[in-house]
C-alpha cells in the first residue's frame, strides 16, 4: 500500500534506499531507450525530488524491474497510461467512460 502523498520520485527513492543502493549505482542500471548508455545520477536525483518525470515507458519498466516495484503502480504514480494500452484503445469515448468509472471507484 502507498501513502496518499506518494509520488513517483518518492517511491523510487524509498525502494532504492531499501535495496541499499546509491543514486549512482541505480542510475548506472537504468539504460536510456536510445541505447546511449545509462541515465545520469543527476537525472535520477531530479526524478527522486519530483523535479522531472520519467521520459518514457521504457524507463518506468526498468525502474520496476531493477527495484522490484509493481509496474502498474509506477505508471499510476507517474500519471501515465502505458503506450501499449493507449495503442489498443479503439473507441476513445468508451475509454473515457471507463476512466470515469475508475475515478468514481477510487474516490469512494
PDB file of N, CA and C in Angstrom:
ATOM      1  N   UNK A   1       0.847  -1.185   0.000  1.00  0.00           N
ATOM      2  CA  UNK A   1       0.000   0.000   0.000  1.00  0.00           C
ATOM      3  C   UNK A   1       0.891   1.246   0.000  1.00  0.00           C
ATOM      4  N   UNK A   2       0.478   2.267  -0.709  1.00  0.00           N
ATOM      5  CA  UNK A   2       1.248   3.501  -0.773  1.00  0.00           C
ATOM      6  C   UNK A   2       0.578   4.566   0.072  1.00  0.00           C
ATOM      7  N   UNK A   3       1.373   5.523   0.489  1.00  0.00           N
ATOM      8  CA  UNK A   3       0.851   6.653   1.250  1.00  0.00           C
ATOM      9  C   UNK A   3       0.069   7.567   0.318  1.00  0.00           C
ATOM     10  N   UNK A   4      -0.928   8.299   0.848  1.00  0.00           N
ATOM     11  CA  UNK A   4      -1.731   9.171  -0.012  1.00  0.00           C
ATOM     12  C   UNK A   4      -0.897  10.224  -0.756  1.00  0.00           C
ATOM     13  N   UNK A   5       0.210  10.651  -0.187  1.00  0.00           N
ATOM     14  CA  UNK A   5       1.026  11.677  -0.841  1.00  0.00           C
ATOM     15  C   UNK A   5       2.225  11.085  -1.578  1.00  0.00           C
ATOM     16  N   UNK A   6       2.173   9.782  -1.852  1.00  0.00           N
ATOM     17  CA  UNK A   6       3.261   9.114  -2.554  1.00  0.00           C
ATOM     18  C   UNK A   6       3.389   9.668  -3.966  1.00  0.00           C
ATOM     19  N   UNK A   7       4.601   9.881  -4.390  1.00  0.00           N
ATOM     20  CA  UNK A   7       4.882  10.325  -5.751  1.00  0.00           C
ATOM     21  C   UNK A   7       5.790   9.295  -6.410  1.00  0.00           C
ATOM     22  N   UNK A   8       5.943   9.424  -7.707  1.00  0.00           N
ATOM     23  CA  UNK A   8       6.848   8.534  -8.426  1.00  0.00           C
ATOM     24  C   UNK A   8       8.251   8.655  -7.838  1.00  0.00           C
ATOM     25  N   UNK A   9       8.705   9.880  -7.673  1.00  0.00           N
ATOM     26  CA  UNK A   9      10.057  10.103  -7.159  1.00  0.00           C
ATOM     27  C   UNK A   9      10.264   9.531  -5.767  1.00  0.00           C
ATOM     28  N   UNK A  10       9.290   9.733  -4.889  1.00  0.00           N
ATOM     29  CA  UNK A  10       9.404   9.202  -3.524  1.00  0.00           C
ATOM     30  C   UNK A  10       9.420   7.678  -3.532  1.00  0.00           C
ATOM     31  N   UNK A  11       8.618   7.072  -4.401  1.00  0.00           N
ATOM     32  CA  UNK A  11       8.602   5.609  -4.494  1.00  0.00           C
ATOM     33  C   UNK A  11       9.949   5.071  -4.959  1.00  0.00           C
ATOM     34  N   UNK A  12      10.547   5.738  -5.927  1.00  0.00           N
ATOM     35  CA  UNK A  12      11.853   5.319  -6.441  1.00  0.00           C
ATOM     36  C   UNK A  12      12.914   5.479  -5.354  1.00  0.00           C
ATOM     37  N   UNK A  13      12.930   6.627  -4.700  1.00  0.00           N
ATOM     38  CA  UNK A  13      13.926   6.875  -3.646  1.00  0.00           C
ATOM     39  C   UNK A  13      13.783   5.870  -2.507  1.00  0.00           C
ATOM     40  N   UNK A  14      12.563   5.603  -2.094  1.00  0.00           N
ATOM     41  CA  UNK A  14      12.325   4.675  -0.994  1.00  0.00           C
ATOM     42  C   UNK A  14      12.784   3.260  -1.356  1.00  0.00           C
ATOM     43  N   UNK A  15      12.416   2.799  -2.544  1.00  0.00           N
ATOM     44  CA  UNK A  15      12.811   1.452  -2.972  1.00  0.00           C
ATOM     45  C   UNK A  15      14.324   1.354  -3.134  1.00  0.00           C
ATOM     46  N   UNK A  16      14.940   2.401  -3.648  1.00  0.00           N
ATOM     47  CA  UNK A  16      16.399   2.407  -3.818  1.00  0.00           C
ATOM     48  C   UNK A  16      17.083   2.289  -2.460  1.00  0.00           C
ATOM     49  N   UNK A  17      16.599   3.053  -1.493  1.00  0.00           N
ATOM     50  CA  UNK A  17      17.198   3.019  -0.155  1.00  0.00           C
ATOM     51  C   UNK A  17      16.974   1.666   0.520  1.00  0.00           C
ATOM     52  N   UNK A  18      15.797   1.073   0.310  1.00  0.00           N
ATOM     53  CA  UNK A  18      15.529  -0.256   0.879  1.00  0.00           C
ATOM     54  C   UNK A  18      16.482  -1.302   0.328  1.00  0.00           C
ATOM     55  N   UNK A  19      16.932  -1.098  -0.883  1.00  0.00           N
ATOM     56  CA  UNK A  19      17.872  -2.030  -1.511  1.00  0.00           C
ATOM     57  C   UNK A  19      19.324  -1.611  -1.259  1.00  0.00           C
ATOM     58  N   UNK A  20      19.505  -0.568  -0.435  1.00  0.00           N
ATOM     59  CA  UNK A  20      20.842  -0.071  -0.074  1.00  0.00           C
ATOM     60  C   UNK A  20      21.679   0.260  -1.310  1.00  0.00           C
ATOM     61  N   UNK A  21      21.027   0.908  -2.267  1.00  0.00           N
ATOM     62  CA  UNK A  21      21.715   1.317  -3.494  1.00  0.00           C
ATOM     63  C   UNK A  21      21.946   2.821  -3.455  1.00  0.00           C
ATOM     64  N   UNK A  22      23.063   3.248  -3.972  1.00  0.00           N
ATOM     65  CA  UNK A  22      23.304   4.680  -4.130  1.00  0.00           C
ATOM     66  C   UNK A  22      22.597   5.164  -5.391  1.00  0.00           C
ATOM     67  N   UNK A  23      22.430   6.471  -5.502  1.00  0.00           N
ATOM     68  CA  UNK A  23      21.851   7.007  -6.730  1.00  0.00           C
ATOM     69  C   UNK A  23      22.741   6.671  -7.921  1.00  0.00           C
ATOM     70  N   UNK A  24      24.028   6.751  -7.707  1.00  0.00           N
ATOM     71  CA  UNK A  24      24.962   6.459  -8.788  1.00  0.00           C
ATOM     72  C   UNK A  24      24.813   5.005  -9.257  1.00  0.00           C
ATOM     73  N   UNK A  25      24.669   4.082  -8.307  1.00  0.00           N
ATOM     74  CA  UNK A  25      24.520   2.669  -8.664  1.00  0.00           C
ATOM     75  C   UNK A  25      23.211   2.422  -9.416  1.00  0.00           C
ATOM     76  N   UNK A  26      22.106   2.986  -8.900  1.00  0.00           N
ATOM     77  CA  UNK A  26      20.832   2.794  -9.582  1.00  0.00           C
ATOM     78  C   UNK A  26      20.867   3.420 -10.966  1.00  0.00           C
ATOM     79  N   UNK A  27      21.370   4.640 -11.070  1.00  0.00           N
ATOM     80  CA  UNK A  27      21.426   5.312 -12.375  1.00  0.00           C
ATOM     81  C   UNK A  27      22.198   4.473 -13.393  1.00  0.00           C
ATOM     82  N   UNK A  28      23.244   3.822 -12.955  1.00  0.00           N
ATOM     83  CA  UNK A  28      24.057   3.016 -13.883  1.00  0.00           C
ATOM     84  C   UNK A  28      23.309   1.787 -14.394  1.00  0.00           C
ATOM     85  N   UNK A  29      22.227   1.400 -13.706  1.00  0.00           N
ATOM     86  CA  UNK A  29      21.463   0.214 -14.107  1.00  0.00           C
ATOM     87  C   UNK A  29      20.222   0.555 -14.927  1.00  0.00           C
ATOM     88  N   UNK A  30      19.923   1.845 -15.076  1.00  0.00           N
ATOM     89  CA  UNK A  30      18.764   2.284 -15.846  1.00  0.00           C
ATOM     90  C   UNK A  30      19.266   2.814 -17.192  1.00  0.00           C
ATOM     91  N   UNK A  31      19.030   2.053 -18.235  1.00  0.00           N
ATOM     92  CA  UNK A  31      19.569   2.399 -19.551  1.00  0.00           C
ATOM     93  C   UNK A  31      18.583   3.230 -20.358  1.00  0.00           C
ATOM     94  N   UNK A  32      19.136   4.196 -21.075  1.00  0.00           N
ATOM     95  CA  UNK A  32      18.325   5.034 -21.955  1.00  0.00           C
ATOM     96  C   UNK A  32      17.752   4.191 -23.083  1.00  0.00           C
ATOM     97  N   UNK A  33      16.595   4.609 -23.552  1.00  0.00           N
ATOM     98  CA  UNK A  33      15.908   3.869 -24.611  1.00  0.00           C
ATOM     99  C   UNK A  33      16.692   3.879 -25.921  1.00  0.00           C
ATOM    100  N   UNK A  34      17.422   4.950 -26.167  1.00  0.00           N
ATOM    101  CA  UNK A  34      18.138   5.079 -27.440  1.00  0.00           C
ATOM    102  C   UNK A  34      19.448   4.291 -27.472  1.00  0.00           C
ATOM    103  N   UNK A  35      19.747   3.572 -26.403  1.00  0.00           N
ATOM    104  CA  UNK A  35      20.965   2.774 -26.359  1.00  0.00           C
ATOM    105  C   UNK A  35      22.220   3.568 -26.108  1.00  0.00           C
ATOM    106  N   UNK A  36      22.071   4.826 -25.699  1.00  0.00           N
ATOM    107  CA  UNK A  36      23.227   5.698 -25.492  1.00  0.00           C
ATOM    108  C   UNK A  36      23.758   5.628 -24.062  1.00  0.00           C
ATOM    109  N   UNK A  37      23.604   4.500 -23.414  1.00  0.00           N
ATOM    110  CA  UNK A  37      24.148   4.336 -22.075  1.00  0.00           C
ATOM    111  C   UNK A  37      23.106   4.544 -20.990  1.00  0.00           C
ATOM    112  N   UNK A  38      23.592   4.699 -19.779  1.00  0.00           N
ATOM    113  CA  UNK A  38      22.735   4.821 -18.599  1.00  0.00           C
ATOM    114  C   UNK A  38      22.298   6.267 -18.382  1.00  0.00           C
ATOM    115  N   UNK A  39      21.234   6.415 -17.590  1.00  0.00           N
ATOM    116  CA  UNK A  39      20.821   7.761 -17.200  1.00  0.00           C
ATOM    117  C   UNK A  39      21.867   8.325 -16.240  1.00  0.00           C
ATOM    118  N   UNK A  40      21.886   9.607 -16.068  1.00  0.00           N
ATOM    119  CA  UNK A  40      22.866  10.230 -15.171  1.00  0.00           C
ATOM    120  C   UNK A  40      22.340  10.232 -13.742  1.00  0.00           C
ATOM    121  N   UNK A  41      23.248  10.215 -12.773  1.00  0.00           N
ATOM    122  CA  UNK A  41      22.821  10.335 -11.381  1.00  0.00           C
ATOM    123  C   UNK A  41      22.036  11.634 -11.144  1.00  0.00           C
ATOM    124  N   UNK A  42      22.369  12.709 -11.841  1.00  0.00           N
ATOM    125  CA  UNK A  42      21.640  13.976 -11.672  1.00  0.00           C
ATOM    126  C   UNK A  42      20.198  13.843 -12.169  1.00  0.00           C
ATOM    127  N   UNK A  43      20.006  13.148 -13.286  1.00  0.00           N
ATOM    128  CA  UNK A  43      18.649  12.910 -13.788  1.00  0.00           C
ATOM    129  C   UNK A  43      17.857  12.109 -12.763  1.00  0.00           C
ATOM    130  N   UNK A  44      18.468  11.060 -12.201  1.00  0.00           N
ATOM    131  CA  UNK A  44      17.807  10.264 -11.166  1.00  0.00           C
ATOM    132  C   UNK A  44      17.490  11.130  -9.948  1.00  0.00           C
ATOM    133  N   UNK A  45      18.421  11.984  -9.548  1.00  0.00           N
ATOM    134  CA  UNK A  45      18.183  12.879  -8.413  1.00  0.00           C
ATOM    135  C   UNK A  45      16.989  13.780  -8.689  1.00  0.00           C
ATOM    136  N   UNK A  46      16.903  14.298  -9.900  1.00  0.00           N
ATOM    137  CA  UNK A  46      15.764  15.148 -10.271  1.00  0.00           C
ATOM    138  C   UNK A  46      14.452  14.365 -10.208  1.00  0.00           C
ATOM    139  N   UNK A  47      14.472  13.108 -10.644  1.00  0.00           N
ATOM    140  CA  UNK A  47      13.271  12.277 -10.562  1.00  0.00           C
ATOM    141  C   UNK A  47      12.892  12.061  -9.099  1.00  0.00           C
ATOM    142  N   UNK A  48      13.861  11.678  -8.279  1.00  0.00           N
ATOM    143  CA  UNK A  48      13.578  11.385  -6.869  1.00  0.00           C
ATOM    144  C   UNK A  48      13.056  12.603  -6.108  1.00  0.00           C
ATOM    145  N   UNK A  49      13.444  13.790  -6.547  1.00  0.00           N
ATOM    146  CA  UNK A  49      12.980  15.014  -5.893  1.00  0.00           C
ATOM    147  C   UNK A  49      11.801  15.652  -6.632  1.00  0.00           C
ATOM    148  N   UNK A  50      11.180  14.883  -7.512  1.00  0.00           N
ATOM    149  CA  UNK A  50       9.974  15.297  -8.246  1.00  0.00           C
ATOM    150  C   UNK A  50      10.168  16.565  -9.074  1.00  0.00           C
ATOM    151  N   UNK A  51      11.385  16.768  -9.540  1.00  0.00           N
ATOM    152  CA  UNK A  51      11.646  17.894 -10.447  1.00  0.00           C
ATOM    153  C   UNK A  51      11.486  17.474 -11.905  1.00  0.00           C
ATOM    154  N   UNK A  52      11.531  16.159 -12.145  1.00  0.00           N
ATOM    155  CA  UNK A  52      11.347  15.614 -13.501  1.00  0.00           C
ATOM    156  C   UNK A  52      10.549  14.335 -13.397  1.00  0.00           C
ATOM    157  N   UNK A  53       9.895  13.990 -14.482  1.00  0.00           N
ATOM    158  CA  UNK A  53       9.176  12.722 -14.580  1.00  0.00           C
ATOM    159  C   UNK A  53       9.948  11.811 -15.521  1.00  0.00           C
ATOM    160  N   UNK A  54       9.755  10.503 -15.379  1.00  0.00           N
ATOM    161  CA  UNK A  54      10.420   9.610 -16.333  1.00  0.00           C
ATOM    162  C   UNK A  54       9.927   9.930 -17.734  1.00  0.00           C
ATOM    163  N   UNK A  55      10.844   9.946 -18.672  1.00  0.00           N
ATOM    164  CA  UNK A  55      10.502  10.402 -20.021  1.00  0.00           C
ATOM    165  C   UNK A  55       9.848   9.340 -20.894  1.00  0.00           C
ATOM    166  N   UNK A  56       9.848   8.081 -20.453  1.00  0.00           N
ATOM    167  CA  UNK A  56       9.290   7.049 -21.319  1.00  0.00           C
ATOM    168  C   UNK A  56       8.817   5.838 -20.521  1.00  0.00           C
ATOM    169  N   UNK A  57       7.969   5.053 -21.171  1.00  0.00           N
ATOM    170  CA  UNK A  57       7.540   3.777 -20.591  1.00  0.00           C
ATOM    171  C   UNK A  57       8.756   2.884 -20.355  1.00  0.00           C
ATOM    172  N   UNK A  58       9.725   2.984 -21.247  1.00  0.00           N
ATOM    173  CA  UNK A  58      10.950   2.189 -21.151  1.00  0.00           C
ATOM    174  C   UNK A  58      11.629   2.404 -19.798  1.00  0.00           C
ATOM    175  N   UNK A  59      11.753   3.654 -19.371  1.00  0.00           N
ATOM    176  CA  UNK A  59      12.392   3.950 -18.085  1.00  0.00           C
ATOM    177  C   UNK A  59      11.548   3.447 -16.923  1.00  0.00           C
ATOM    178  N   UNK A  60      10.234   3.613 -17.001  1.00  0.00           N
ATOM    179  CA  UNK A  60       9.355   3.129 -15.936  1.00  0.00           C
ATOM    180  C   UNK A  60       9.505   1.613 -15.799  1.00  0.00           C
ATOM    181  N   UNK A  61       9.532   0.920 -16.910  1.00  0.00           N
ATOM    182  CA  UNK A  61       9.698  -0.534 -16.889  1.00  0.00           C
ATOM    183  C   UNK A  61      11.030  -0.911 -16.229  1.00  0.00           C
ATOM    184  N   UNK A  62      12.079  -0.195 -16.557  1.00  0.00           N
ATOM    185  CA  UNK A  62      13.379  -0.515 -15.978  1.00  0.00           C
ATOM    186  C   UNK A  62      13.409  -0.246 -14.473  1.00  0.00           C
ATOM    187  N   UNK A  63      12.838   0.865 -14.036  1.00  0.00           N
ATOM    188  CA  UNK A  63      12.765   1.129 -12.591  1.00  0.00           C
ATOM    189  C   UNK A  63      12.000   0.002 -11.903  1.00  0.00           C
ATOM    190  N   UNK A  64      10.911  -0.428 -12.503  1.00  0.00           N
ATOM    191  CA  UNK A  64      10.100  -1.511 -11.950  1.00  0.00           C
ATOM    192  C   UNK A  64      10.929  -2.790 -11.797  1.00  0.00           C
ATOM    193  N   UNK A  65      11.656  -3.130 -12.822  1.00  0.00           N
ATOM    194  CA  UNK A  65      12.453  -4.357 -12.831  1.00  0.00           C
ATOM    195  C   UNK A  65      13.606  -4.292 -11.830  1.00  0.00           C
ATOM    196  N   UNK A  66      14.378  -3.226 -11.894  1.00  0.00           N
ATOM    197  CA  UNK A  66      15.568  -3.112 -11.046  1.00  0.00           C
ATOM    198  C   UNK A  66      15.194  -2.992  -9.568  1.00  0.00           C
ATOM    199  N   UNK A  67      14.126  -2.249  -9.273  1.00  0.00           N
ATOM    200  CA  UNK A  67      13.754  -2.003  -7.877  1.00  0.00           C
ATOM    201  C   UNK A  67      12.666  -2.945  -7.364  1.00  0.00           C
ATOM    202  N   UNK A  68      12.169  -3.818  -8.226  1.00  0.00           N
ATOM    203  CA  UNK A  68      11.124  -4.771  -7.865  1.00  0.00           C
ATOM    204  C   UNK A  68       9.884  -4.057  -7.313  1.00  0.00           C
ATOM    205  N   UNK A  69       9.404  -3.084  -8.093  1.00  0.00           N
ATOM    206  CA  UNK A  69       8.185  -2.339  -7.776  1.00  0.00           C
ATOM    207  C   UNK A  69       7.165  -2.678  -8.859  1.00  0.00           C
ATOM    208  N   UNK A  70       5.911  -2.829  -8.458  1.00  0.00           N
ATOM    209  CA  UNK A  70       4.856  -3.123  -9.425  1.00  0.00           C
ATOM    210  C   UNK A  70       4.829  -2.038 -10.509  1.00  0.00           C
ATOM    211  N   UNK A  71       4.958  -2.467 -11.751  1.00  0.00           N
ATOM    212  CA  UNK A  71       4.993  -1.533 -12.878  1.00  0.00           C
ATOM    213  C   UNK A  71       3.710  -0.710 -12.973  1.00  0.00           C
ATOM    214  N   UNK A  72       2.566  -1.338 -12.709  1.00  0.00           N
ATOM    215  CA  UNK A  72       1.298  -0.614 -12.777  1.00  0.00           C
ATOM    216  C   UNK A  72       1.252   0.516 -11.757  1.00  0.00           C
ATOM    217  N   UNK A  73       1.765   0.262 -10.559  1.00  0.00           N
ATOM    218  CA  UNK A  73       1.831   1.310  -9.543  1.00  0.00           C
ATOM    219  C   UNK A  73       2.688   2.469 -10.032  1.00  0.00           C
ATOM    220  N   UNK A  74       3.824   2.165 -10.638  1.00  0.00           N
ATOM    221  CA  UNK A  74       4.696   3.236 -11.130  1.00  0.00           C
ATOM    222  C   UNK A  74       4.016   4.051 -12.226  1.00  0.00           C
ATOM    223  N   UNK A  75       3.258   3.397 -13.101  1.00  0.00           N
ATOM    224  CA  UNK A  75       2.542   4.147 -14.134  1.00  0.00           C
ATOM    225  C   UNK A  75       1.512   5.077 -13.507  1.00  0.00           C
ATOM    226  N   UNK A  76       0.808   4.598 -12.486  1.00  0.00           N
ATOM    227  CA  UNK A  76      -0.171   5.455 -11.794  1.00  0.00           C
ATOM    228  C   UNK A  76       0.541   6.636 -11.152  1.00  0.00           C
ATOM    229  N   UNK A  77       1.634   6.369 -10.436  1.00  0.00           N
ATOM    230  CA  UNK A  77       2.360   7.449  -9.765  1.00  0.00           C
ATOM    231  C   UNK A  77       2.959   8.442 -10.760  1.00  0.00           C
ATOM    232  N   UNK A  78       3.323   7.957 -11.941  1.00  0.00           N
ATOM    233  CA  UNK A  78       3.881   8.840 -12.977  1.00  0.00           C
ATOM    234  C   UNK A  78       2.783   9.590 -13.724  1.00  0.00           C
ATOM    235  N   UNK A  79       1.517   9.207 -13.491  1.00  0.00           N
ATOM    236  CA  UNK A  79       0.407   9.863 -14.181  1.00  0.00           C
ATOM    237  C   UNK A  79       0.366   9.539 -15.659  1.00  0.00           C
ATOM    238  N   UNK A  80       0.745   8.306 -16.002  1.00  0.00           N
ATOM    239  CA  UNK A  80       0.843   7.905 -17.405  1.00  0.00           C
ATOM    240  C   UNK A  80      -0.034   6.703 -17.701  1.00  0.00           C
ATOM    241  N   UNK A  81      -0.556   6.675 -18.894  1.00  0.00           N
ATOM    242  CA  UNK A  81      -1.200   5.473 -19.416  1.00  0.00           C
ATOM    243  C   UNK A  81      -0.135   4.804 -20.288  1.00  0.00           C
ATOM    244  N   UNK A  82       0.171   3.550 -20.013  1.00  0.00           N
ATOM    245  CA  UNK A  82       1.213   2.885 -20.809  1.00  0.00           C
ATOM    246  C   UNK A  82       0.909   2.942 -22.306  1.00  0.00           C
ATOM    247  N   UNK A  83       1.953   3.130 -23.091  1.00  0.00           N
ATOM    248  CA  UNK A  83       1.795   3.237 -24.544  1.00  0.00           C
ATOM    249  C   UNK A  83       1.100   2.021 -25.140  1.00  0.00           C
ATOM    250  N   UNK A  84       1.424   0.816 -24.653  1.00  0.00           N
ATOM    251  CA  UNK A  84       0.799  -0.378 -25.229  1.00  0.00           C
ATOM    252  C   UNK A  84      -0.702  -0.381 -24.972  1.00  0.00           C
ATOM    253  N   UNK A  85      -1.145   0.113 -23.839  1.00  0.00           N
ATOM    254  CA  UNK A  85      -2.578   0.202 -23.553  1.00  0.00           C
ATOM    255  C   UNK A  85      -3.222   1.297 -24.406  1.00  0.00           C
ATOM    256  N   UNK A  86      -2.558   2.429 -24.504  1.00  0.00           N
ATOM    257  CA  UNK A  86      -3.092   3.540 -25.296  1.00  0.00           C
ATOM    258  C   UNK A  86      -3.288   3.133 -26.753  1.00  0.00           C
ATOM    259  N   UNK A  87      -2.378   2.315 -27.276  1.00  0.00           N
ATOM    260  CA  UNK A  87      -2.477   1.868 -28.680  1.00  0.00           C
ATOM    261  C   UNK A  87      -3.648   0.925 -28.905  1.00  0.00           C
ATOM    262  N   UNK A  88      -4.133   0.255 -27.857  1.00  0.00           N
ATOM    263  CA  UNK A  88      -5.225  -0.701 -28.024  1.00  0.00           C
ATOM    264  C   UNK A  88      -6.595  -0.049 -27.928  1.00  0.00           C
ATOM    265  N   UNK A  89      -6.657   1.220 -27.562  1.00  0.00           N
ATOM    266  CA  UNK A  89      -7.944   1.906 -27.431  1.00  0.00           C
ATOM    267  C   UNK A  89      -8.528   2.130 -28.824  1.00  0.00           C
ATOM    268  N   UNK A  90      -9.664   1.522 -29.069  1.00  0.00           N
ATOM    269  CA  UNK A  90     -10.330   1.651 -30.366  1.00  0.00           C
ATOM    270  C   UNK A  90     -11.428   2.715 -30.326  1.00  0.00           C
ATOM    271  N   UNK A  91     -12.042   2.870 -29.153  1.00  0.00           N
ATOM    272  CA  UNK A  91     -13.152   3.809 -29.005  1.00  0.00           C
ATOM    273  C   UNK A  91     -12.831   4.777 -27.867  1.00  0.00           C
ATOM    274  N   UNK A  92     -12.327   5.976 -28.183  1.00  0.00           N
ATOM    275  CA  UNK A  92     -11.961   6.926 -27.136  1.00  0.00           C
ATOM    276  C   UNK A  92     -13.106   7.269 -26.185  1.00  0.00           C
ATOM    277  N   UNK A  93     -14.342   7.324 -26.685  1.00  0.00           N
ATOM    278  CA  UNK A  93     -15.484   7.632 -25.818  1.00  0.00           C
ATOM    279  C   UNK A  93     -15.683   6.522 -24.792  1.00  0.00           C
ATOM    280  N   UNK A  94     -15.526   5.283 -25.220  1.00  0.00           N
ATOM    281  CA  UNK A  94     -15.661   4.151 -24.305  1.00  0.00           C
ATOM    282  C   UNK A  94     -14.515   4.155 -23.285  1.00  0.00           C
ATOM    283  N   UNK A  95     -13.333   4.499 -23.723  1.00  0.00           N
ATOM    284  CA  UNK A  95     -12.192   4.588 -22.810  1.00  0.00           C
ATOM    285  C   UNK A  95     -12.423   5.694 -21.780  1.00  0.00           C
ATOM    286  N   UNK A  96     -12.967   6.820 -22.206  1.00  0.00           N
ATOM    287  CA  UNK A  96     -13.265   7.916 -21.288  1.00  0.00           C
ATOM    288  C   UNK A  96     -14.316   7.498 -20.270  1.00  0.00           C
ATOM    289  N   UNK A  97     -15.305   6.754 -20.722  1.00  0.00           N
ATOM    290  CA  UNK A  97     -16.347   6.254 -19.821  1.00  0.00           C
ATOM    291  C   UNK A  97     -15.739   5.305 -18.777  1.00  0.00           C
ATOM    292  N   UNK A  98     -14.865   4.427 -19.210  1.00  0.00           N
ATOM    293  CA  UNK A  98     -14.197   3.504 -18.290  1.00  0.00           C
ATOM    294  C   UNK A  98     -13.324   4.271 -17.303  1.00  0.00           C
ATOM    295  N   UNK A  99     -12.674   5.323 -17.789  1.00  0.00           N
ATOM    296  CA  UNK A  99     -11.834   6.141 -16.913  1.00  0.00           C
ATOM    297  C   UNK A  99     -12.680   6.842 -15.856  1.00  0.00           C
ATOM    298  N   UNK A 100     -13.826   7.338 -16.247  1.00  0.00           N
ATOM    299  CA  UNK A 100     -14.720   7.983 -15.276  1.00  0.00           C
ATOM    300  C   UNK A 100     -15.212   6.988 -14.226  1.00  0.00           C
ATOM    301  N   UNK A 101     -15.524   5.761 -14.644  1.00  0.00           N
ATOM    302  CA  UNK A 101     -15.937   4.719 -13.698  1.00  0.00           C
ATOM    303  C   UNK A 101     -14.793   4.403 -12.735  1.00  0.00           C
ATOM    304  N   UNK A 102     -13.583   4.365 -13.265  1.00  0.00           N
ATOM    305  CA  UNK A 102     -12.416   4.147 -12.422  1.00  0.00           C
ATOM    306  C   UNK A 102     -12.271   5.286 -11.402  1.00  0.00           C
ATOM    307  N   UNK A 103     -12.404   6.513 -11.854  1.00  0.00           N
ATOM    308  CA  UNK A 103     -12.277   7.667 -10.948  1.00  0.00           C
ATOM    309  C   UNK A 103     -13.307   7.592  -9.826  1.00  0.00           C
ATOM    310  N   UNK A 104     -14.537   7.226 -10.171  1.00  0.00           N
ATOM    311  CA  UNK A 104     -15.566   7.104  -9.136  1.00  0.00           C
ATOM    312  C   UNK A 104     -15.206   6.005  -8.141  1.00  0.00           C
ATOM    313  N   UNK A 105     -14.662   4.898  -8.621  1.00  0.00           N
ATOM    314  CA  UNK A 105     -14.356   3.771  -7.741  1.00  0.00           C
ATOM    315  C   UNK A 105     -13.233   4.086  -6.769  1.00  0.00           C
ATOM    316  N   UNK A 106     -12.267   4.898  -7.161  1.00  0.00           N
ATOM    317  CA  UNK A 106     -11.164   5.220  -6.233  1.00  0.00           C
ATOM    318  C   UNK A 106     -11.494   6.433  -5.375  1.00  0.00           C
ATOM    319  N   UNK A 107     -12.551   7.147  -5.694  1.00  0.00           N
ATOM    320  CA  UNK A 107     -12.948   8.305  -4.895  1.00  0.00           C
ATOM    321  C   UNK A 107     -13.848   7.926  -3.730  1.00  0.00           C
ATOM    322  N   UNK A 108     -14.462   6.761  -3.805  1.00  0.00           N
ATOM    323  CA  UNK A 108     -15.386   6.334  -2.748  1.00  0.00           C
ATOM    324  C   UNK A 108     -14.686   5.965  -1.468  1.00  0.00           C
TER     325      UNK A 108
END
